Structures are given as structure tokens and as C-alpha cells.
Amino acid sequence: MPEDSPPLDVVYAGTPEFAVPTLNALLDAGHRIPVVLTQPDRPAGRGRKLRSSPVKRVAIERGLQVEQPLSLREAGAQELLRQIAADVVVVVAYGLLLPKAVLGIPRLGCLNVHASLLPRWRGAAPIHRAILAGDRETGVSIMLMDSGLDTGPVLATARCRIEPGMTTGNLHDRLATLGAKLLVHALADYASGRIVPVSQPTQGVSYADKVDKREAVLDWTQPCRAVERQILGLNPWPVAQTRWRGQTLRVWRGHELAARLTLEPGQVLDEGPDGIDVTCGDGAIRITELQLPGKRPMTASEFLNGHSALGDTLG
């Protein structure tokens, strides 16, 4: 944080792992966080025991007050924010809507760290959608929130190349770190008047719908490039899957092969230590990491130590 930018009182609202780096960055920059807002604990795991969000766990470790309202439309939650009278609210993947009444409470408004180059990929799943669409570049945007869905003016952006073979999990981690750094600098510049939010362009708008588990089923009749994007874009959740000998095979990693084939889509045409080659609509995919039901993810080489799929048709 620049020396001429004094620390601010920041209400922080975030829930998943993506929001943790920004919370730590704000604290490390010297800002005061009187309260952290995060979603209520949810049942998780086989035992369905209540589990705290990653943001809640880090906030407690760092000695911060945590509040978990069911909705920010509640009068009690809004009164709490008025009493705190923070300079700004920073929102990172919070998961709850901020009503108009909340947006107007902090002196500097509410800033959001969004994992895309707005206005592309407004909405719930911008990281998944960027990879599924085959984008070569994405990034993060610091946005001054308004009542629309990711429609507010932008303070700053940072770009990130999507490398070949990059999964949603890989890109998630890179953007979380990038967004944390960008937010700290953008907040300092915004608070001191060095930058002014700029309205988003009306062209280039796209929406990142929430990912549905039904999207995980691989369609081997699709072009191999589309299948590769599906495998990478759905790792680590919900993970691409196909059927093999009556059971669900989860496909964690795979890549396109440069081949022109006329075999039936889904046919296993070759297998070896480097992978399991499966035909697609216009070529083949080499599966390099997969998972059997009830087992851990394994490399193709590990899978082939006890199984063979050669000649089988998947799907």
C-alpha cells in the first residue's frame, strides 16, 4: 500500500478459498477489519457435519469478528453495518446478494473482486466458463458494485494468460493471488482519488452461468478440442465423467491428440504409460489421470497396472 494511503476500516465479505488471499492481503497491508461476513456453516462430507467456510476459519485464526447472516436483507445485518460505519465493504465470492440499502452504507461503497475481464463472464462461474469456452486470456476486475449482476463501473483490471493444459483449479489459484494484489493497490488509489471507476462497455457482455453437474458427462462425438476443454474446465469440480463397463469413470486430466480418425467415438484405440487414447468426433483424447468409483484419482499408468480398457467403448 502506498505510504500516502492511510489504513481504512474495511468490512470483508467472502466465503470460499478464492476469497482467502484478499482477506490476508488487506490485513497484511495494515487495513482494519472490524467484521468479516461469510455464509453460514453448511453440512459437508459423509457425516454431514457442519463445516465452516475457508474465510471463517482464516478470520478466526487472525482474531477477527465473524458474522454469518442468512441474508443481508435482514434488518439486523444492515443495522450492524451502519453501526460499524466502515469506509468500504470488500466483497469476494461472498455468495449472497447485497441489496441496494447495503450498497449505500459505506463511505466509499462496495468493491468486488471478480474473476474475469468485465464485461466478459459476468455471473457465478467465470473461471469455469473461460476454460470451457477456450479463452486464451482472462483476468480479474475490481468493480464498484451497483444493483445489477456484475454491471458496476470498473476501477482496475489485471490480465492472465490461460496456459495450455491449465485446469479451472490452476486458474482459480492464479486469479485468487492476482486479485488480492490488485485489490490492495486499487483500493489505495480509489480512496485517495487517484483513480475513478469507469463504466463497462456495452459490447462484449457474456454471462457465466453456474456449472451444473449434468455438464460433466463427456460426449465423445464432440470435437476433441471441446472434450479437452470439458475435462480441464470441470477439474476440480464437478469433474468430467464417462461410463466404462457399467461404472462411472471420472476423467481428471487429458489432452487432444493430433490425429484424424474415422473410428467410433468413445473407442479406446490405444493405452500405455503415457495415457489412454479415446476417439472423439474428429480425433482423439489422451486420458492421463482418471478415477474409479470409491478410489483415489490415479495416473493412466497406475490404472493400467490392474485394468485394461483397450477396444472398449466409453460413454
Protein backbone atom coordinates (compact mmCIF):
# COMPACT_ATOMS: atom_id res chain seq x y z
CA MET A 1 0.00 0.00 0.00
CA PRO A 2 1.41 3.45 -0.89
CA GLU A 3 2.76 5.41 2.07
CA ASP A 4 0.35 8.28 1.48
CA SER A 5 -2.67 5.96 1.70
CA PRO A 6 -3.80 5.60 5.33
CA PRO A 7 -5.36 2.36 6.58
CA LEU A 8 -9.11 2.02 6.13
CA ASP A 9 -11.91 0.37 8.07
CA VAL A 10 -12.97 -2.49 5.79
CA VAL A 11 -15.91 -4.83 6.20
CA TYR A 12 -14.91 -8.02 4.41
CA ALA A 13 -17.49 -10.33 2.81
CA GLY A 14 -16.30 -13.64 1.36
CA THR A 15 -16.80 -17.37 1.67
CA PRO A 16 -14.69 -19.85 -0.36
CA GLU A 17 -10.97 -20.44 -0.74
CA PHE A 18 -10.83 -17.90 -3.57
CA ALA A 19 -11.59 -15.14 -1.05
CA VAL A 20 -8.84 -16.03 1.45
CA PRO A 21 -5.84 -14.34 -0.29
CA THR A 22 -7.63 -10.99 -0.46
CA LEU A 23 -8.56 -11.12 3.23
CA ASN A 24 -4.93 -11.82 4.14
CA ALA A 25 -3.67 -9.13 1.77
CA LEU A 26 -5.90 -6.46 3.34
CA LEU A 27 -4.71 -7.36 6.83
CA ASP A 28 -1.07 -7.52 5.76
CA ALA A 29 -1.45 -4.06 4.18
CA GLY A 30 -2.49 -2.64 7.55
CA HIS A 31 -6.21 -2.16 6.98
CA ARG A 32 -8.58 -2.62 9.92
CA ILE A 33 -11.33 -5.24 9.51
CA PRO A 34 -13.95 -4.75 12.22
CA VAL A 35 -16.09 -7.65 10.98
CA VAL A 36 -15.97 -10.46 8.44
CA LEU A 37 -19.19 -11.58 6.76
CA THR A 38 -19.35 -15.14 5.46
CA GLN A 39 -22.06 -17.64 4.65
CA PRO A 40 -23.49 -19.85 7.43
CA ASP A 41 -21.79 -23.17 8.17
CA ARG A 42 -23.03 -25.93 5.86
CA PRO A 43 -23.27 -29.73 6.23
CA ALA A 44 -20.42 -31.40 4.36
CA GLY A 45 -18.76 -34.79 3.96
CA ARG A 46 -20.20 -38.22 4.52
CA GLY A 47 -21.13 -37.44 8.11
CA ARG A 48 -22.91 -34.22 7.03
CA LYS A 49 -21.29 -32.35 9.89
CA LEU A 50 -21.39 -28.56 9.83
CA ARG A 51 -18.31 -27.11 8.19
CA SER A 52 -17.08 -23.52 8.41
CA SER A 53 -16.14 -21.65 5.25
CA PRO A 54 -12.43 -21.15 4.44
CA VAL A 55 -12.85 -17.42 5.08
CA LYS A 56 -14.35 -18.04 8.53
CA ARG A 57 -11.50 -20.34 9.52
CA VAL A 58 -8.85 -17.81 8.48
CA ALA A 59 -10.73 -14.91 10.10
CA ILE A 60 -10.89 -16.73 13.43
CA GLU A 61 -7.19 -17.63 13.20
CA ARG A 62 -6.43 -13.93 12.75
CA GLY A 63 -8.65 -12.85 15.63
CA LEU A 64 -11.42 -11.20 13.65
CA GLN A 65 -15.10 -10.93 14.48
CA VAL A 66 -17.21 -13.15 12.20
CA GLU A 67 -20.91 -12.73 11.39
CA GLN A 68 -22.94 -15.19 9.30
CA PRO A 69 -26.34 -13.71 8.43
CA LEU A 70 -28.69 -15.76 6.27
CA SER A 71 -29.35 -12.65 4.20
CA LEU A 72 -28.19 -9.05 4.07
CA ARG A 73 -31.82 -8.05 3.64
CA GLU A 74 -32.22 -8.71 7.37
CA ALA A 75 -32.69 -5.53 9.39
CA GLY A 76 -30.18 -6.73 11.99
CA ALA A 77 -27.44 -7.25 9.42
CA GLN A 78 -27.97 -3.81 7.90
CA GLU A 79 -28.02 -2.15 11.32
CA LEU A 80 -24.72 -3.83 12.17
CA LEU A 81 -23.13 -2.33 9.05
CA ARG A 82 -24.49 1.11 9.88
CA GLN A 83 -23.09 0.94 13.40
CA ILE A 84 -19.66 -0.12 12.16
CA ALA A 85 -19.63 2.78 9.67
CA ALA A 86 -16.76 1.27 7.68
CA ASP A 87 -15.06 3.16 4.89
CA VAL A 88 -15.68 0.37 2.38
CA VAL A 89 -17.08 -3.13 2.01
CA VAL A 90 -14.90 -5.54 0.03
CA VAL A 91 -16.76 -8.50 -1.48
CA VAL A 92 -15.03 -11.59 -2.87
CA ALA A 93 -17.16 -14.59 -3.84
CA TYR A 94 -19.46 -13.98 -0.88
CA GLY A 95 -22.40 -15.85 -2.38
CA LEU A 96 -25.15 -13.57 -1.02
CA LEU A 97 -26.72 -10.61 -2.78
CA LEU A 98 -26.03 -7.13 -1.48
CA PRO A 99 -29.30 -5.19 -1.57
CA LYS A 100 -29.32 -1.54 -2.60
CA ALA A 101 -29.69 -0.47 1.03
CA VAL A 102 -26.35 -2.11 1.87
CA LEU A 103 -24.54 -0.73 -1.18
CA GLY A 104 -25.12 2.80 0.08
CA ILE A 105 -23.90 2.31 3.66
CA PRO A 106 -20.07 2.55 3.40
CA ARG A 107 -18.49 5.89 2.55
CA LEU A 108 -16.60 4.51 -0.46
CA GLY A 109 -19.23 1.99 -1.50
CA CYS A 110 -18.76 -1.75 -2.01
CA LEU A 111 -15.88 -3.12 -4.08
CA ASN A 112 -15.94 -6.56 -5.67
CA VAL A 113 -13.04 -8.73 -6.86
CA HIS A 114 -14.43 -10.54 -9.91
CA ALA A 115 -12.52 -13.30 -11.71
CA SER A 116 -12.88 -12.11 -15.30
CA LEU A 117 -12.18 -9.16 -17.55
CA LEU A 118 -15.58 -7.50 -17.33
CA PRO A 119 -17.95 -7.30 -19.11
CA ARG A 120 -16.98 -10.79 -20.28
CA TRP A 121 -18.20 -13.54 -17.96
CA ARG A 122 -20.44 -11.71 -15.57
CA GLY A 123 -22.06 -14.12 -13.13
CA ALA A 124 -21.39 -17.14 -10.96
CA ALA A 125 -18.74 -19.24 -12.72
CA PRO A 126 -16.36 -17.02 -14.70
CA ILE A 127 -13.30 -19.27 -14.24
CA HIS A 128 -15.06 -22.43 -15.41
CA ARG A 129 -16.64 -20.66 -18.37
CA ALA A 130 -13.40 -19.09 -19.58
CA ILE A 131 -11.76 -22.51 -19.89
CA LEU A 132 -14.85 -24.25 -21.25
CA ALA A 133 -15.11 -21.58 -23.96
CA GLY A 134 -11.46 -21.94 -24.92
CA ASP A 135 -10.49 -18.37 -23.97
CA ARG A 136 -6.78 -17.74 -24.24
CA GLU A 137 -6.83 -14.91 -21.72
CA THR A 138 -8.83 -13.86 -18.69
CA GLY A 139 -8.06 -11.87 -15.55
CA VAL A 140 -9.56 -10.08 -12.58
CA SER A 141 -11.57 -6.88 -12.30
CA ILE A 142 -12.08 -4.60 -9.30
CA MET A 143 -15.62 -3.31 -9.61
CA LEU A 144 -17.65 -0.73 -7.71
CA MET A 145 -20.84 -2.67 -7.08
CA ASP A 146 -24.27 -1.49 -8.16
CA SER A 147 -27.66 -3.21 -8.08
CA GLY A 148 -27.05 -5.18 -11.32
CA LEU A 149 -25.32 -8.52 -11.84
CA ASP A 150 -21.64 -7.55 -12.11
CA THR A 151 -22.60 -4.41 -14.04
CA GLY A 152 -20.86 -1.78 -11.92
CA PRO A 153 -18.04 0.50 -13.08
CA VAL A 154 -14.51 -0.92 -13.00
CA LEU A 155 -11.58 0.52 -11.04
CA ALA A 156 -8.80 -1.73 -12.28
CA THR A 157 -8.08 -4.94 -14.19
CA ALA A 158 -5.19 -7.37 -14.41
CA ARG A 159 -4.77 -9.87 -17.24
CA CYS A 160 -3.80 -13.53 -17.04
CA ARG A 161 -2.95 -15.88 -19.92
CA ILE A 162 -4.69 -19.25 -19.87
CA GLU A 163 -1.84 -21.69 -20.48
CA PRO A 164 -2.35 -24.93 -22.45
CA GLY A 165 -3.39 -27.71 -20.08
CA MET A 166 -4.48 -25.30 -17.35
CA THR A 167 -7.43 -26.54 -15.29
CA THR A 168 -10.07 -24.48 -13.55
CA GLY A 169 -8.28 -25.29 -10.29
CA ASN A 170 -4.96 -23.99 -11.61
CA LEU A 171 -6.54 -20.81 -12.95
CA HIS A 172 -8.55 -20.32 -9.74
CA ASP A 173 -5.39 -20.22 -7.64
CA ARG A 174 -3.60 -17.86 -10.00
CA LEU A 175 -6.53 -15.43 -10.17
CA ALA A 176 -7.07 -15.50 -6.40
CA THR A 177 -3.50 -14.31 -5.86
CA LEU A 178 -3.68 -11.80 -8.70
CA GLY A 179 -6.97 -10.39 -7.42
CA ALA A 180 -5.65 -9.94 -3.88
CA LYS A 181 -2.69 -7.87 -5.07
CA LEU A 182 -4.81 -5.82 -7.45
CA LEU A 183 -7.45 -5.06 -4.80
CA VAL A 184 -4.96 -3.67 -2.31
CA HIS A 185 -3.46 -1.27 -4.86
CA ALA A 186 -6.80 -0.32 -6.42
CA LEU A 187 -8.34 0.37 -3.01
CA ALA A 188 -5.50 2.70 -2.06
CA ASP A 189 -5.74 4.57 -5.36
CA TYR A 190 -9.52 4.79 -5.20
CA ALA A 191 -9.59 6.03 -1.60
CA SER A 192 -7.05 8.73 -2.41
CA GLY A 193 -8.81 9.82 -5.61
CA ARG A 194 -6.06 8.68 -7.96
CA ILE A 195 -8.43 6.50 -10.00
CA VAL A 196 -12.06 6.90 -10.97
CA PRO A 197 -14.37 3.96 -11.77
CA VAL A 198 -15.05 3.57 -15.50
CA SER A 199 -18.38 2.30 -16.82
CA GLN A 200 -18.27 -1.10 -18.50
CA PRO A 201 -18.65 -1.15 -22.28
CA THR A 202 -21.98 -2.28 -23.66
CA GLN A 203 -20.32 -4.62 -26.16
CA GLY A 204 -18.66 -7.91 -25.29
CA VAL A 205 -21.06 -8.83 -22.49
CA SER A 206 -21.32 -12.54 -21.67
CA TYR A 207 -22.71 -14.47 -18.72
CA ALA A 208 -21.06 -17.25 -16.74
CA ASP A 209 -23.93 -19.46 -15.67
CA LYS A 210 -23.46 -21.65 -12.62
CA VAL A 211 -21.98 -25.03 -13.54
CA ASP A 212 -24.42 -27.93 -13.42
CA LYS A 213 -23.30 -31.49 -12.61
CA ARG A 214 -25.04 -32.65 -15.79
CA GLU A 215 -22.36 -30.83 -17.78
CA ALA A 216 -19.80 -33.34 -16.51
CA VAL A 217 -20.90 -36.19 -18.80
CA LEU A 218 -18.46 -36.43 -21.70
CA ASP A 219 -19.87 -36.59 -25.23
CA TRP A 220 -17.25 -38.39 -27.28
CA THR A 221 -18.95 -37.35 -30.54
CA GLN A 222 -17.81 -33.77 -29.88
CA PRO A 223 -14.58 -32.42 -31.42
CA CYS A 224 -11.55 -33.44 -29.36
CA ARG A 225 -10.77 -29.81 -28.54
CA ALA A 226 -14.23 -29.41 -26.96
CA VAL A 227 -13.76 -32.62 -24.96
CA GLU A 228 -10.35 -31.42 -23.74
CA ARG A 229 -11.87 -28.13 -22.57
CA GLN A 230 -14.60 -30.02 -20.75
CA ILE A 231 -12.05 -32.16 -18.91
CA LEU A 232 -9.88 -29.18 -17.94
CA GLY A 233 -12.76 -26.81 -17.23
CA LEU A 234 -14.52 -29.19 -14.82
CA ASN A 235 -11.41 -30.01 -12.77
CA PRO A 236 -11.61 -29.94 -9.72
CA TRP A 237 -15.42 -29.77 -9.78
CA PRO A 238 -17.66 -31.45 -10.80
CA VAL A 239 -15.05 -33.49 -12.74
CA ALA A 240 -15.71 -34.86 -16.24
CA GLN A 241 -17.07 -38.40 -16.34
CA THR A 242 -17.92 -41.23 -18.69
CA ARG A 243 -19.26 -44.78 -18.42
CA TRP A 244 -16.97 -47.82 -18.61
CA ARG A 245 -18.18 -51.38 -18.09
CA GLY A 246 -21.25 -50.26 -16.19
CA GLN A 247 -19.49 -47.90 -13.81
CA THR A 248 -18.70 -44.19 -13.75
CA LEU A 249 -15.15 -43.29 -14.68
CA ARG A 250 -14.10 -39.78 -13.68
CA VAL A 251 -11.63 -38.13 -16.04
CA TRP A 252 -9.39 -35.63 -14.26
CA ARG A 253 -6.88 -34.82 -16.98
CA GLY A 254 -6.49 -35.38 -20.69
CA HIS A 255 -5.29 -33.61 -23.80
CA GLU A 256 -6.00 -33.51 -27.51
CA LEU A 257 -4.02 -35.72 -29.88
CA ALA A 258 -3.17 -34.55 -33.37
CA ALA A 259 -4.86 -37.38 -35.27
CA ARG A 260 -7.51 -37.81 -37.93
CA LEU A 261 -9.63 -40.89 -37.19
CA THR A 262 -12.79 -42.50 -38.52
CA LEU A 263 -13.40 -44.94 -35.67
CA GLU A 264 -16.50 -44.98 -33.48
CA PRO A 265 -16.42 -42.09 -30.96
CA GLY A 266 -15.54 -43.22 -27.44
CA GLN A 267 -13.47 -46.22 -28.54
CA VAL A 268 -10.24 -46.91 -26.65
CA LEU A 269 -7.77 -47.31 -29.50
CA ASP A 270 -4.51 -47.44 -27.55
CA GLU A 271 -3.22 -47.49 -23.99
CA GLY A 272 0.17 -47.24 -22.37
CA PRO A 273 2.20 -45.50 -19.63
CA ASP A 274 1.62 -42.09 -21.27
CA GLY A 275 -2.16 -42.38 -21.34
CA ILE A 276 -5.32 -43.98 -22.65
CA ASP A 277 -6.30 -42.82 -26.14
CA VAL A 278 -10.01 -42.41 -26.84
CA THR A 279 -11.56 -41.41 -30.15
CA CYS A 280 -13.68 -38.26 -30.44
CA GLY A 281 -15.71 -36.71 -33.21
CA ASP A 282 -12.65 -35.53 -35.13
CA GLY A 283 -9.61 -37.06 -33.45
CA ALA A 284 -8.63 -38.43 -30.06
CA ILE A 285 -8.11 -37.52 -26.44
CA ARG A 286 -5.31 -38.99 -24.34
CA ILE A 287 -6.57 -39.53 -20.78
CA THR A 288 -3.69 -39.11 -18.35
CA GLU A 289 -5.48 -39.07 -14.97
CA LEU A 290 -8.70 -40.84 -14.02
CA GLN A 291 -10.63 -42.26 -11.09
CA LEU A 292 -12.67 -45.38 -10.46
CA PRO A 293 -15.66 -45.33 -8.05
CA GLY A 294 -14.52 -45.42 -4.44
CA LYS A 295 -10.86 -44.99 -5.43
CA ARG A 296 -8.47 -42.06 -5.43
CA PRO A 297 -7.50 -40.31 -8.67
CA MET A 298 -4.66 -42.14 -10.40
CA THR A 299 -2.42 -41.77 -13.41
CA ALA A 300 -3.18 -43.79 -16.52
CA SER A 301 -0.09 -45.88 -15.79
CA GLU A 302 -1.41 -46.73 -12.31
CA PHE A 303 -4.81 -47.60 -13.74
CA LEU A 304 -3.28 -49.93 -16.31
CA ASN A 305 -1.42 -51.86 -13.62
CA GLY A 306 -4.69 -53.56 -12.75
CA HIS A 307 -7.02 -52.85 -15.68
CA SER A 308 -7.22 -52.71 -19.45
CA ALA A 309 -9.76 -50.82 -21.49
CA LEU A 310 -8.27 -51.48 -24.94
CA GLY A 311 -11.01 -51.95 -27.52
CA ASP A 312 -13.78 -50.87 -25.13
CA THR A 313 -16.20 -48.07 -25.99
CA LEU A 314 -16.70 -45.40 -23.36
CA GLY A 315 -19.89 -43.49 -22.73
